[in-house]
Amino acid sequence: FMEFATYRWLEHCGPNGDLKLGYRSQEEFDRWAARCPVRIQQERLSGDGLLTDAEFSRFTADADAQIEDALA
């Protein structure tokens, strides 16, 4: 079981960034980006030899395909 603290990267209701709206600063965004749980876990698993770049790419492509199917 894994639990991740997450952060909203984009606007609430669309695919665009919202930093220009002033809800949060670039500094806040950058702090959270540095803590991205997906990137951190990918680096840990890769560093331990448990995940290859090809496997991660497959997982990402599969997740993207599932999202696209759900949206369709």
C-alpha atoms as a PDB file:
ATOM      1  CA  PHE A   1       0.000   0.000   0.000  1.00  0.00           C
ATOM      2  CA  MET A   2       1.346   3.414  -0.921  1.00  0.00           C
ATOM      3  CA  GLU A   3      -0.067   6.812  -0.026  1.00  0.00           C
ATOM      4  CA  PHE A   4       1.005   9.961  -1.865  1.00  0.00           C
ATOM      5  CA  ALA A   5       0.541  13.614  -1.005  1.00  0.00           C
ATOM      6  CA  THR A   6      -0.470  15.184  -4.303  1.00  0.00           C
ATOM      7  CA  TYR A   7      -0.840  18.636  -5.770  1.00  0.00           C
ATOM      8  CA  ARG A   8      -3.030  20.045  -8.528  1.00  0.00           C
ATOM      9  CA  TRP A   9      -0.699  20.902 -11.437  1.00  0.00           C
ATOM     10  CA  LEU A  10      -3.279  22.495 -13.732  1.00  0.00           C
ATOM     11  CA  GLU A  11      -6.402  24.601 -13.506  1.00  0.00           C
ATOM     12  CA  HIS A  12      -9.502  23.137 -11.830  1.00  0.00           C
ATOM     13  CA  CYS A  13     -11.578  22.782 -14.977  1.00  0.00           C
ATOM     14  CA  GLY A  14      -9.273  22.405 -17.938  1.00  0.00           C
ATOM     15  CA  PRO A  15      -5.923  21.362 -19.332  1.00  0.00           C
ATOM     16  CA  ASN A  16      -4.099  24.660 -18.844  1.00  0.00           C
ATOM     17  CA  GLY A  17      -1.832  26.096 -16.190  1.00  0.00           C
ATOM     18  CA  ASP A  18      -3.282  28.688 -13.854  1.00  0.00           C
ATOM     19  CA  LEU A  19      -0.283  30.449 -12.336  1.00  0.00           C
ATOM     20  CA  LYS A  20      -1.237  33.636 -14.160  1.00  0.00           C
ATOM     21  CA  LEU A  21      -4.470  33.771 -12.136  1.00  0.00           C
ATOM     22  CA  GLY A  22      -2.551  34.414  -8.910  1.00  0.00           C
ATOM     23  CA  TYR A  23      -3.997  31.579  -6.836  1.00  0.00           C
ATOM     24  CA  ARG A  24      -0.478  30.365  -6.085  1.00  0.00           C
ATOM     25  CA  SER A  25       3.049  31.459  -6.748  1.00  0.00           C
ATOM     26  CA  GLN A  26       5.630  29.952  -9.066  1.00  0.00           C
ATOM     27  CA  GLU A  27       7.701  29.184  -5.961  1.00  0.00           C
ATOM     28  CA  GLU A  28       4.869  27.148  -4.415  1.00  0.00           C
ATOM     29  CA  PHE A  29       4.361  25.289  -7.670  1.00  0.00           C
ATOM     30  CA  ASP A  30       8.095  24.560  -7.961  1.00  0.00           C
ATOM     31  CA  ARG A  31       8.262  23.238  -4.374  1.00  0.00           C
ATOM     32  CA  TRP A  32       5.467  20.787  -5.093  1.00  0.00           C
ATOM     33  CA  ALA A  33       6.917  19.818  -8.472  1.00  0.00           C
ATOM     34  CA  ALA A  34      10.141  18.849  -6.701  1.00  0.00           C
ATOM     35  CA  ARG A  35       8.068  16.549  -4.462  1.00  0.00           C
ATOM     36  CA  CYS A  36       6.218  14.782  -7.301  1.00  0.00           C
ATOM     37  CA  PRO A  37       5.467  11.332  -5.831  1.00  0.00           C
ATOM     38  CA  VAL A  38       5.343   9.609  -9.218  1.00  0.00           C
ATOM     39  CA  ARG A  39       8.792  10.905 -10.206  1.00  0.00           C
ATOM     40  CA  ILE A  40      10.258  10.142  -6.766  1.00  0.00           C
ATOM     41  CA  GLN A  41       8.947   6.564  -6.788  1.00  0.00           C
ATOM     42  CA  GLN A  42      10.108   6.042 -10.362  1.00  0.00           C
ATOM     43  CA  GLU A  43      13.604   7.172  -9.386  1.00  0.00           C
ATOM     44  CA  ARG A  44      13.633   4.935  -6.280  1.00  0.00           C
ATOM     45  CA  LEU A  45      12.419   1.858  -8.131  1.00  0.00           C
ATOM     46  CA  SER A  46      14.786   2.475 -11.044  1.00  0.00           C
ATOM     47  CA  GLY A  47      17.691   3.065  -8.681  1.00  0.00           C
ATOM     48  CA  ASP A  48      16.959  -0.251  -6.933  1.00  0.00           C
ATOM     49  CA  GLY A  49      16.812  -2.064 -10.275  1.00  0.00           C
ATOM     50  CA  LEU A  50      13.100  -2.823  -9.875  1.00  0.00           C
ATOM     51  CA  LEU A  51      11.791  -0.714 -12.761  1.00  0.00           C
ATOM     52  CA  THR A  52      13.256  -0.055 -16.179  1.00  0.00           C
ATOM     53  CA  ASP A  53      12.585   3.015 -18.295  1.00  0.00           C
ATOM     54  CA  ALA A  54      10.768   0.790 -20.807  1.00  0.00           C
ATOM     55  CA  GLU A  55       8.471  -0.592 -18.082  1.00  0.00           C
ATOM     56  CA  PHE A  56       7.692   2.896 -16.808  1.00  0.00           C
ATOM     57  CA  SER A  57       6.925   4.035 -20.347  1.00  0.00           C
ATOM     58  CA  ARG A  58       4.527   1.098 -20.762  1.00  0.00           C
ATOM     59  CA  PHE A  59       2.785   1.908 -17.460  1.00  0.00           C
ATOM     60  CA  THR A  60       2.465   5.556 -18.464  1.00  0.00           C
ATOM     61  CA  ALA A  61       1.145   4.704 -21.934  1.00  0.00           C
ATOM     62  CA  ASP A  62      -1.384   2.282 -20.419  1.00  0.00           C
ATOM     63  CA  ALA A  63      -2.612   4.907 -17.922  1.00  0.00           C
ATOM     64  CA  ASP A  64      -2.863   7.517 -20.682  1.00  0.00           C
ATOM     65  CA  ALA A  65      -4.866   5.098 -22.842  1.00  0.00           C
ATOM     66  CA  GLN A  66      -7.255   4.345 -19.976  1.00  0.00           C
ATOM     67  CA  ILE A  67      -7.800   8.065 -19.405  1.00  0.00           C
ATOM     68  CA  GLU A  68      -8.439   8.672 -23.099  1.00  0.00           C
ATOM     69  CA  ASP A  69     -10.906   5.769 -23.190  1.00  0.00           C
ATOM     70  CA  ALA A  70     -12.723   7.108 -20.144  1.00  0.00           C
ATOM     71  CA  LEU A  71     -12.971  10.569 -21.677  1.00  0.00           C
ATOM     72  CA  ALA A  72     -14.283   9.172 -24.957  1.00  0.00           C
END
